[in-house]
């Protein structure tokens, strides 16, 4: 079971790394970098969020195992767990900041607003 979970985690990590490389390559291959590409929440962001959730789940289960049977784990394992939680939390804070910046810049650019046609009520039912 642990081998299957390790293989699954490795495949998810490779998929996230591949999507990051593909995203960087697509930005690099454009002659003029577009800011609109950075204003979208991409597959890479969803993959990072999934990786955060899976990693947090594994850290939490490891913490439960250490708390249940603390004699079988060395004392430095608590430090490893603490570092894991700190790095995972820092990554999630950065993702939340990216989401906030993406939403605020998209809102400032007017990407989410619909055109205002309230001054043309007679053309509301006719196709243009």
C-alpha atoms as a PDB file:
ATOM      1  CA  UNK A   1       0.000   0.000   0.000  1.00  0.00           C
ATOM      2  CA  UNK A   2       2.816   2.404   0.846  1.00  0.00           C
ATOM      3  CA  UNK A   3       4.536   1.616  -2.457  1.00  0.00           C
ATOM      4  CA  UNK A   4       1.330   2.380  -4.332  1.00  0.00           C
ATOM      5  CA  UNK A   5       0.970   5.700  -2.483  1.00  0.00           C
ATOM      6  CA  UNK A   6       4.612   6.556  -3.193  1.00  0.00           C
ATOM      7  CA  UNK A   7       4.139   5.814  -6.900  1.00  0.00           C
ATOM      8  CA  UNK A   8       0.923   7.853  -6.969  1.00  0.00           C
ATOM      9  CA  UNK A   9       2.623  10.776  -5.211  1.00  0.00           C
ATOM     10  CA  UNK A  10       5.545  10.589  -7.637  1.00  0.00           C
ATOM     11  CA  UNK A  11       3.216  10.627 -10.638  1.00  0.00           C
ATOM     12  CA  UNK A  12       1.317  13.619  -9.269  1.00  0.00           C
ATOM     13  CA  UNK A  13       4.601  15.422  -8.607  1.00  0.00           C
ATOM     14  CA  UNK A  14       5.792  14.682 -12.152  1.00  0.00           C
ATOM     15  CA  UNK A  15       2.489  15.933 -13.586  1.00  0.00           C
ATOM     16  CA  UNK A  16       2.775  19.193 -11.644  1.00  0.00           C
ATOM     17  CA  UNK A  17       6.402  19.621 -12.707  1.00  0.00           C
ATOM     18  CA  UNK A  18       5.490  18.914 -16.333  1.00  0.00           C
ATOM     19  CA  UNK A  19       2.651  21.435 -16.235  1.00  0.00           C
ATOM     20  CA  UNK A  20       5.001  24.046 -14.748  1.00  0.00           C
ATOM     21  CA  UNK A  21       7.542  23.420 -17.514  1.00  0.00           C
ATOM     22  CA  UNK A  22       4.801  23.564 -20.170  1.00  0.00           C
ATOM     23  CA  UNK A  23       3.449  26.814 -18.707  1.00  0.00           C
ATOM     24  CA  UNK A  24       6.923  28.389 -18.617  1.00  0.00           C
ATOM     25  CA  UNK A  25       7.666  27.187 -22.150  1.00  0.00           C
ATOM     26  CA  UNK A  26       4.387  28.584 -23.497  1.00  0.00           C
ATOM     27  CA  UNK A  27       5.139  31.972 -21.928  1.00  0.00           C
ATOM     28  CA  UNK A  28       8.706  31.917 -23.223  1.00  0.00           C
ATOM     29  CA  UNK A  29       7.715  30.895 -26.758  1.00  0.00           C
ATOM     30  CA  UNK A  30       5.455  33.923 -27.224  1.00  0.00           C
ATOM     31  CA  UNK A  31       7.233  36.804 -28.890  1.00  0.00           C
ATOM     32  CA  UNK A  32       5.544  39.394 -26.740  1.00  0.00           C
ATOM     33  CA  UNK A  33       4.682  38.180 -23.225  1.00  0.00           C
ATOM     34  CA  UNK A  34       1.016  38.717 -22.533  1.00  0.00           C
ATOM     35  CA  UNK A  35      -0.143  39.791 -19.125  1.00  0.00           C
ATOM     36  CA  UNK A  36      -3.509  38.159 -19.781  1.00  0.00           C
ATOM     37  CA  UNK A  37      -1.868  34.741 -19.451  1.00  0.00           C
ATOM     38  CA  UNK A  38      -0.841  35.566 -15.908  1.00  0.00           C
ATOM     39  CA  UNK A  39      -4.333  36.853 -15.092  1.00  0.00           C
ATOM     40  CA  UNK A  40      -5.863  33.397 -15.483  1.00  0.00           C
ATOM     41  CA  UNK A  41      -6.060  30.652 -12.895  1.00  0.00           C
ATOM     42  CA  UNK A  42      -4.400  27.827 -14.852  1.00  0.00           C
ATOM     43  CA  UNK A  43      -4.183  24.040 -14.608  1.00  0.00           C
ATOM     44  CA  UNK A  44      -0.837  24.514 -12.874  1.00  0.00           C
ATOM     45  CA  UNK A  45      -2.545  26.403 -10.045  1.00  0.00           C
ATOM     46  CA  UNK A  46      -5.165  23.685  -9.640  1.00  0.00           C
ATOM     47  CA  UNK A  47      -2.423  21.042  -9.636  1.00  0.00           C
ATOM     48  CA  UNK A  48      -0.491  22.926  -6.958  1.00  0.00           C
ATOM     49  CA  UNK A  49      -3.628  23.148  -4.844  1.00  0.00           C
ATOM     50  CA  UNK A  50      -4.205  19.393  -5.219  1.00  0.00           C
ATOM     51  CA  UNK A  51      -0.562  18.771  -4.306  1.00  0.00           C
ATOM     52  CA  UNK A  52      -0.991  20.953  -1.213  1.00  0.00           C
ATOM     53  CA  UNK A  53      -4.084  19.012  -0.148  1.00  0.00           C
ATOM     54  CA  UNK A  54      -2.439  15.610  -0.637  1.00  0.00           C
ATOM     55  CA  UNK A  55       0.749  16.720   1.121  1.00  0.00           C
ATOM     56  CA  UNK A  56      -1.220  18.134   4.040  1.00  0.00           C
ATOM     57  CA  UNK A  57      -3.151  14.891   4.325  1.00  0.00           C
ATOM     58  CA  UNK A  58       0.074  12.869   4.437  1.00  0.00           C
ATOM     59  CA  UNK A  59       1.615  15.236   7.007  1.00  0.00           C
ATOM     60  CA  UNK A  60      -1.487  15.051   9.175  1.00  0.00           C
ATOM     61  CA  UNK A  61      -1.573  11.234   9.080  1.00  0.00           C
ATOM     62  CA  UNK A  62       2.134  11.128   9.922  1.00  0.00           C
ATOM     63  CA  UNK A  63       1.500  13.460  12.866  1.00  0.00           C
ATOM     64  CA  UNK A  64      -1.284  11.197  14.123  1.00  0.00           C
ATOM     65  CA  UNK A  65       1.010   8.167  13.827  1.00  0.00           C
ATOM     66  CA  UNK A  66       3.781   9.944  15.751  1.00  0.00           C
ATOM     67  CA  UNK A  67       1.393  11.063  18.495  1.00  0.00           C
ATOM     68  CA  UNK A  68      -0.009   7.542  18.902  1.00  0.00           C
ATOM     69  CA  UNK A  69       3.338   5.758  19.119  1.00  0.00           C
ATOM     70  CA  UNK A  70       5.913   8.362  20.107  1.00  0.00           C
ATOM     71  CA  UNK A  71       8.423   5.846  21.510  1.00  0.00           C
ATOM     72  CA  UNK A  72       9.130   4.320  18.104  1.00  0.00           C
ATOM     73  CA  UNK A  73      10.012   7.655  16.463  1.00  0.00           C
ATOM     74  CA  UNK A  74      13.229   9.592  17.150  1.00  0.00           C
ATOM     75  CA  UNK A  75      12.901  13.070  18.687  1.00  0.00           C
ATOM     76  CA  UNK A  76      14.062  14.830  15.515  1.00  0.00           C
ATOM     77  CA  UNK A  77      10.983  13.516  13.666  1.00  0.00           C
ATOM     78  CA  UNK A  78       8.931  16.245  15.368  1.00  0.00           C
ATOM     79  CA  UNK A  79      11.219  18.836  13.787  1.00  0.00           C
ATOM     80  CA  UNK A  80      10.718  17.244  10.376  1.00  0.00           C
ATOM     81  CA  UNK A  81       6.965  17.392  10.840  1.00  0.00           C
ATOM     82  CA  UNK A  82       7.107  21.006  12.005  1.00  0.00           C
ATOM     83  CA  UNK A  83       9.207  21.985   8.969  1.00  0.00           C
ATOM     84  CA  UNK A  84       6.776  20.147   6.706  1.00  0.00           C
ATOM     85  CA  UNK A  85       3.808  22.006   8.147  1.00  0.00           C
ATOM     86  CA  UNK A  86       5.623  25.363   7.939  1.00  0.00           C
ATOM     87  CA  UNK A  87       6.665  24.866   4.300  1.00  0.00           C
ATOM     88  CA  UNK A  88       3.216  23.599   3.344  1.00  0.00           C
ATOM     89  CA  UNK A  89       1.559  26.557   5.054  1.00  0.00           C
ATOM     90  CA  UNK A  90       3.969  29.000   3.365  1.00  0.00           C
ATOM     91  CA  UNK A  91       3.184  27.478  -0.027  1.00  0.00           C
ATOM     92  CA  UNK A  92      -0.539  27.774   0.594  1.00  0.00           C
ATOM     93  CA  UNK A  93      -0.178  31.414   1.655  1.00  0.00           C
ATOM     94  CA  UNK A  94       1.671  32.130  -1.603  1.00  0.00           C
ATOM     95  CA  UNK A  95      -1.070  30.390  -3.587  1.00  0.00           C
ATOM     96  CA  UNK A  96      -3.742  32.401  -1.775  1.00  0.00           C
ATOM     97  CA  UNK A  97      -1.827  35.605  -2.560  1.00  0.00           C
ATOM     98  CA  UNK A  98      -1.583  34.589  -6.228  1.00  0.00           C
ATOM     99  CA  UNK A  99      -5.327  33.937  -6.316  1.00  0.00           C
ATOM    100  CA  UNK A 100      -6.039  37.302  -4.670  1.00  0.00           C
ATOM    101  CA  UNK A 101      -3.749  39.146  -7.097  1.00  0.00           C
ATOM    102  CA  UNK A 102      -5.249  37.289 -10.065  1.00  0.00           C
ATOM    103  CA  UNK A 103      -8.805  38.126  -9.021  1.00  0.00           C
ATOM    104  CA  UNK A 104      -8.023  41.765  -8.178  1.00  0.00           C
ATOM    105  CA  UNK A 105      -6.098  42.389 -11.411  1.00  0.00           C
ATOM    106  CA  UNK A 106      -8.797  40.699 -13.444  1.00  0.00           C
ATOM    107  CA  UNK A 107     -11.433  42.798 -11.730  1.00  0.00           C
ATOM    108  CA  UNK A 108      -9.396  45.990 -12.239  1.00  0.00           C
ATOM    109  CA  UNK A 109      -8.926  45.192 -15.935  1.00  0.00           C
ATOM    110  CA  UNK A 110     -12.657  44.691 -16.315  1.00  0.00           C
ATOM    111  CA  UNK A 111     -12.309  41.079 -17.379  1.00  0.00           C
ATOM    112  CA  UNK A 112     -15.314  39.939 -15.394  1.00  0.00           C
ATOM    113  CA  UNK A 113     -17.631  42.828 -16.217  1.00  0.00           C
ATOM    114  CA  UNK A 114     -20.320  42.499 -18.846  1.00  0.00           C
ATOM    115  CA  UNK A 115     -20.997  45.236 -21.401  1.00  0.00           C
ATOM    116  CA  UNK A 116     -23.595  47.759 -20.351  1.00  0.00           C
ATOM    117  CA  UNK A 117     -26.526  47.769 -22.812  1.00  0.00           C
ATOM    118  CA  UNK A 118     -29.174  49.236 -20.562  1.00  0.00           C
ATOM    119  CA  UNK A 119     -29.502  52.334 -22.718  1.00  0.00           C
ATOM    120  CA  UNK A 120     -30.660  50.165 -25.683  1.00  0.00           C
ATOM    121  CA  UNK A 121     -33.810  48.416 -24.404  1.00  0.00           C
ATOM    122  CA  UNK A 122     -35.430  48.183 -27.845  1.00  0.00           C
ATOM    123  CA  UNK A 123     -32.605  45.983 -29.159  1.00  0.00           C
ATOM    124  CA  UNK A 124     -32.709  43.534 -26.266  1.00  0.00           C
ATOM    125  CA  UNK A 125     -34.655  40.848 -28.132  1.00  0.00           C
ATOM    126  CA  UNK A 126     -33.195  41.342 -31.599  1.00  0.00           C
ATOM    127  CA  UNK A 127     -30.033  39.718 -32.882  1.00  0.00           C
ATOM    128  CA  UNK A 128     -27.387  42.052 -34.186  1.00  0.00           C
END
